[in-house]
Amino acid sequence: MFAINLGDLAQDSQNHRFVHLLIRPVLDASKIVLAEPNKADGCAVVLACDDARAEAIVHIIRMKFSKSALRCYSNITKTGKVGKTWHRV
């Protein structure tokens, strides 16, 4: 599964409007996860689509934004299984 940081999405900038259009169809507001437990703004919303589509969305986001400008997370381990912890992608 993939998720995008809520605090970063809440920022109102011209660049983030592009992201809202991209992820709007696959957002599941009922699935909020604590991706970074040690941070006050560590909550993220899960992308409700298959992993291949979510990975493609994150790839497009990475072409425009750095990892710190718009934080995206995955809980897929190196072996391809779904893990319990989230890491930045």
C-alpha atoms as a PDB file:
ATOM      1  CA  MET A   1       0.000   0.000   0.000  1.00  0.00           C
ATOM      2  CA  PHE A   2       1.015   3.570  -0.569  1.00  0.00           C
ATOM      3  CA  ALA A   3       0.045   6.719   1.330  1.00  0.00           C
ATOM      4  CA  ILE A   4       0.595  10.481   1.101  1.00  0.00           C
ATOM      5  CA  ASN A   5       1.195  12.805   4.050  1.00  0.00           C
ATOM      6  CA  LEU A   6      -1.908  14.760   5.061  1.00  0.00           C
ATOM      7  CA  GLY A   7      -0.001  17.835   6.221  1.00  0.00           C
ATOM      8  CA  ASP A   8       1.736  18.124   2.884  1.00  0.00           C
ATOM      9  CA  LEU A   9      -1.557  17.735   1.008  1.00  0.00           C
ATOM     10  CA  ALA A  10      -3.161  20.460   3.126  1.00  0.00           C
ATOM     11  CA  GLN A  11      -0.696  23.081   1.898  1.00  0.00           C
ATOM     12  CA  ASP A  12      -2.368  25.336  -0.611  1.00  0.00           C
ATOM     13  CA  SER A  13       0.071  25.933  -3.410  1.00  0.00           C
ATOM     14  CA  GLN A  14      -0.207  25.966  -7.181  1.00  0.00           C
ATOM     15  CA  ASN A  15       2.000  22.893  -7.458  1.00  0.00           C
ATOM     16  CA  HIS A  16      -0.078  20.842  -5.041  1.00  0.00           C
ATOM     17  CA  ARG A  17      -3.237  21.408  -7.092  1.00  0.00           C
ATOM     18  CA  PHE A  18      -1.714  19.145  -9.719  1.00  0.00           C
ATOM     19  CA  VAL A  19      -1.291  16.443  -7.064  1.00  0.00           C
ATOM     20  CA  HIS A  20      -4.889  16.817  -5.891  1.00  0.00           C
ATOM     21  CA  LEU A  21      -6.127  16.229  -9.439  1.00  0.00           C
ATOM     22  CA  LEU A  22      -3.868  13.199  -9.754  1.00  0.00           C
ATOM     23  CA  ILE A  23      -4.814  11.458  -6.519  1.00  0.00           C
ATOM     24  CA  ARG A  24      -8.439  12.553  -6.035  1.00  0.00           C
ATOM     25  CA  PRO A  25      -9.914   9.446  -7.731  1.00  0.00           C
ATOM     26  CA  VAL A  26      -7.925   7.064  -5.529  1.00  0.00           C
ATOM     27  CA  LEU A  27      -8.059   8.745  -2.109  1.00  0.00           C
ATOM     28  CA  ASP A  28      -9.731   6.831   0.686  1.00  0.00           C
ATOM     29  CA  ALA A  29     -10.306   9.359   3.466  1.00  0.00           C
ATOM     30  CA  SER A  30     -11.473   6.591   5.794  1.00  0.00           C
ATOM     31  CA  LYS A  31      -7.989   5.043   5.775  1.00  0.00           C
ATOM     32  CA  ILE A  32      -5.666   7.316   7.717  1.00  0.00           C
ATOM     33  CA  VAL A  33      -2.408   5.800   8.975  1.00  0.00           C
ATOM     34  CA  LEU A  34       0.323   7.017  11.299  1.00  0.00           C
ATOM     35  CA  ALA A  35       3.263   6.761   8.923  1.00  0.00           C
ATOM     36  CA  GLU A  36       5.762   8.705  11.051  1.00  0.00           C
ATOM     37  CA  PRO A  37       4.867   8.175  14.726  1.00  0.00           C
ATOM     38  CA  ASN A  38       7.631  10.465  16.013  1.00  0.00           C
ATOM     39  CA  LYS A  39       6.344  13.510  14.126  1.00  0.00           C
ATOM     40  CA  ALA A  40       3.370  15.746  14.874  1.00  0.00           C
ATOM     41  CA  ASP A  41       2.385  15.699  11.199  1.00  0.00           C
ATOM     42  CA  GLY A  42       3.058  12.026  10.592  1.00  0.00           C
ATOM     43  CA  CYS A  43      -0.454  11.067   9.458  1.00  0.00           C
ATOM     44  CA  ALA A  44      -1.013   9.948   5.887  1.00  0.00           C
ATOM     45  CA  VAL A  45      -3.979   9.008   3.730  1.00  0.00           C
ATOM     46  CA  VAL A  46      -3.872   5.662   1.929  1.00  0.00           C
ATOM     47  CA  LEU A  47      -4.265   5.468  -1.834  1.00  0.00           C
ATOM     48  CA  ALA A  48      -7.167   3.089  -2.459  1.00  0.00           C
ATOM     49  CA  CYS A  49      -6.046   1.430  -5.673  1.00  0.00           C
ATOM     50  CA  ASP A  50      -3.861  -1.442  -6.742  1.00  0.00           C
ATOM     51  CA  ASP A  51      -0.162  -1.187  -5.894  1.00  0.00           C
ATOM     52  CA  ALA A  52       0.960  -0.792  -9.503  1.00  0.00           C
ATOM     53  CA  ARG A  53      -1.262   2.268  -9.997  1.00  0.00           C
ATOM     54  CA  ALA A  54      -0.255   3.743  -6.630  1.00  0.00           C
ATOM     55  CA  GLU A  55       3.418   3.218  -7.443  1.00  0.00           C
ATOM     56  CA  ALA A  56       2.938   4.978 -10.789  1.00  0.00           C
ATOM     57  CA  ILE A  57       1.235   7.913  -9.035  1.00  0.00           C
ATOM     58  CA  VAL A  58       4.115   8.197  -6.568  1.00  0.00           C
ATOM     59  CA  HIS A  59       6.598   8.020  -9.450  1.00  0.00           C
ATOM     60  CA  ILE A  60       4.861  10.947 -11.178  1.00  0.00           C
ATOM     61  CA  ILE A  61       4.831  12.897  -7.904  1.00  0.00           C
ATOM     62  CA  ARG A  62       8.581  12.247  -7.472  1.00  0.00           C
ATOM     63  CA  MET A  63       9.278  13.749 -10.898  1.00  0.00           C
ATOM     64  CA  LYS A  64       7.870  17.071  -9.626  1.00  0.00           C
ATOM     65  CA  PHE A  65       8.515  17.061  -5.843  1.00  0.00           C
ATOM     66  CA  SER A  66      11.385  16.027  -3.584  1.00  0.00           C
ATOM     67  CA  LYS A  67      10.898  13.489  -0.782  1.00  0.00           C
ATOM     68  CA  SER A  68      10.727  16.285   1.786  1.00  0.00           C
ATOM     69  CA  ALA A  69       8.370  18.564  -0.175  1.00  0.00           C
ATOM     70  CA  LEU A  70       5.625  15.955  -0.514  1.00  0.00           C
ATOM     71  CA  ARG A  71       6.106  12.899   1.665  1.00  0.00           C
ATOM     72  CA  CYS A  72       4.907   9.596   0.239  1.00  0.00           C
ATOM     73  CA  TYR A  73       5.071   6.290   2.075  1.00  0.00           C
ATOM     74  CA  SER A  74       4.927   2.584   1.368  1.00  0.00           C
ATOM     75  CA  ASN A  75       4.580  -0.390   3.667  1.00  0.00           C
ATOM     76  CA  ILE A  76       5.713  -2.912   1.074  1.00  0.00           C
ATOM     77  CA  THR A  77       8.875  -4.744   2.127  1.00  0.00           C
ATOM     78  CA  LYS A  78      11.798  -5.610  -0.147  1.00  0.00           C
ATOM     79  CA  THR A  79      10.372  -9.108  -0.539  1.00  0.00           C
ATOM     80  CA  GLY A  80       7.108  -7.652  -1.900  1.00  0.00           C
ATOM     81  CA  LYS A  81       4.978  -8.366   1.160  1.00  0.00           C
ATOM     82  CA  VAL A  82       2.911  -5.851   3.104  1.00  0.00           C
ATOM     83  CA  GLY A  83       4.719  -4.885   6.296  1.00  0.00           C
ATOM     84  CA  LYS A  84       3.618  -3.197   9.506  1.00  0.00           C
ATOM     85  CA  THR A  85       5.849  -0.129   9.270  1.00  0.00           C
ATOM     86  CA  TRP A  86       5.798   2.673   6.728  1.00  0.00           C
ATOM     87  CA  HIS A  87       8.866   4.108   5.003  1.00  0.00           C
ATOM     88  CA  ARG A  88       9.309   7.127   2.728  1.00  0.00           C
ATOM     89  CA  VAL A  89       9.512   6.574  -0.984  1.00  0.00           C
END
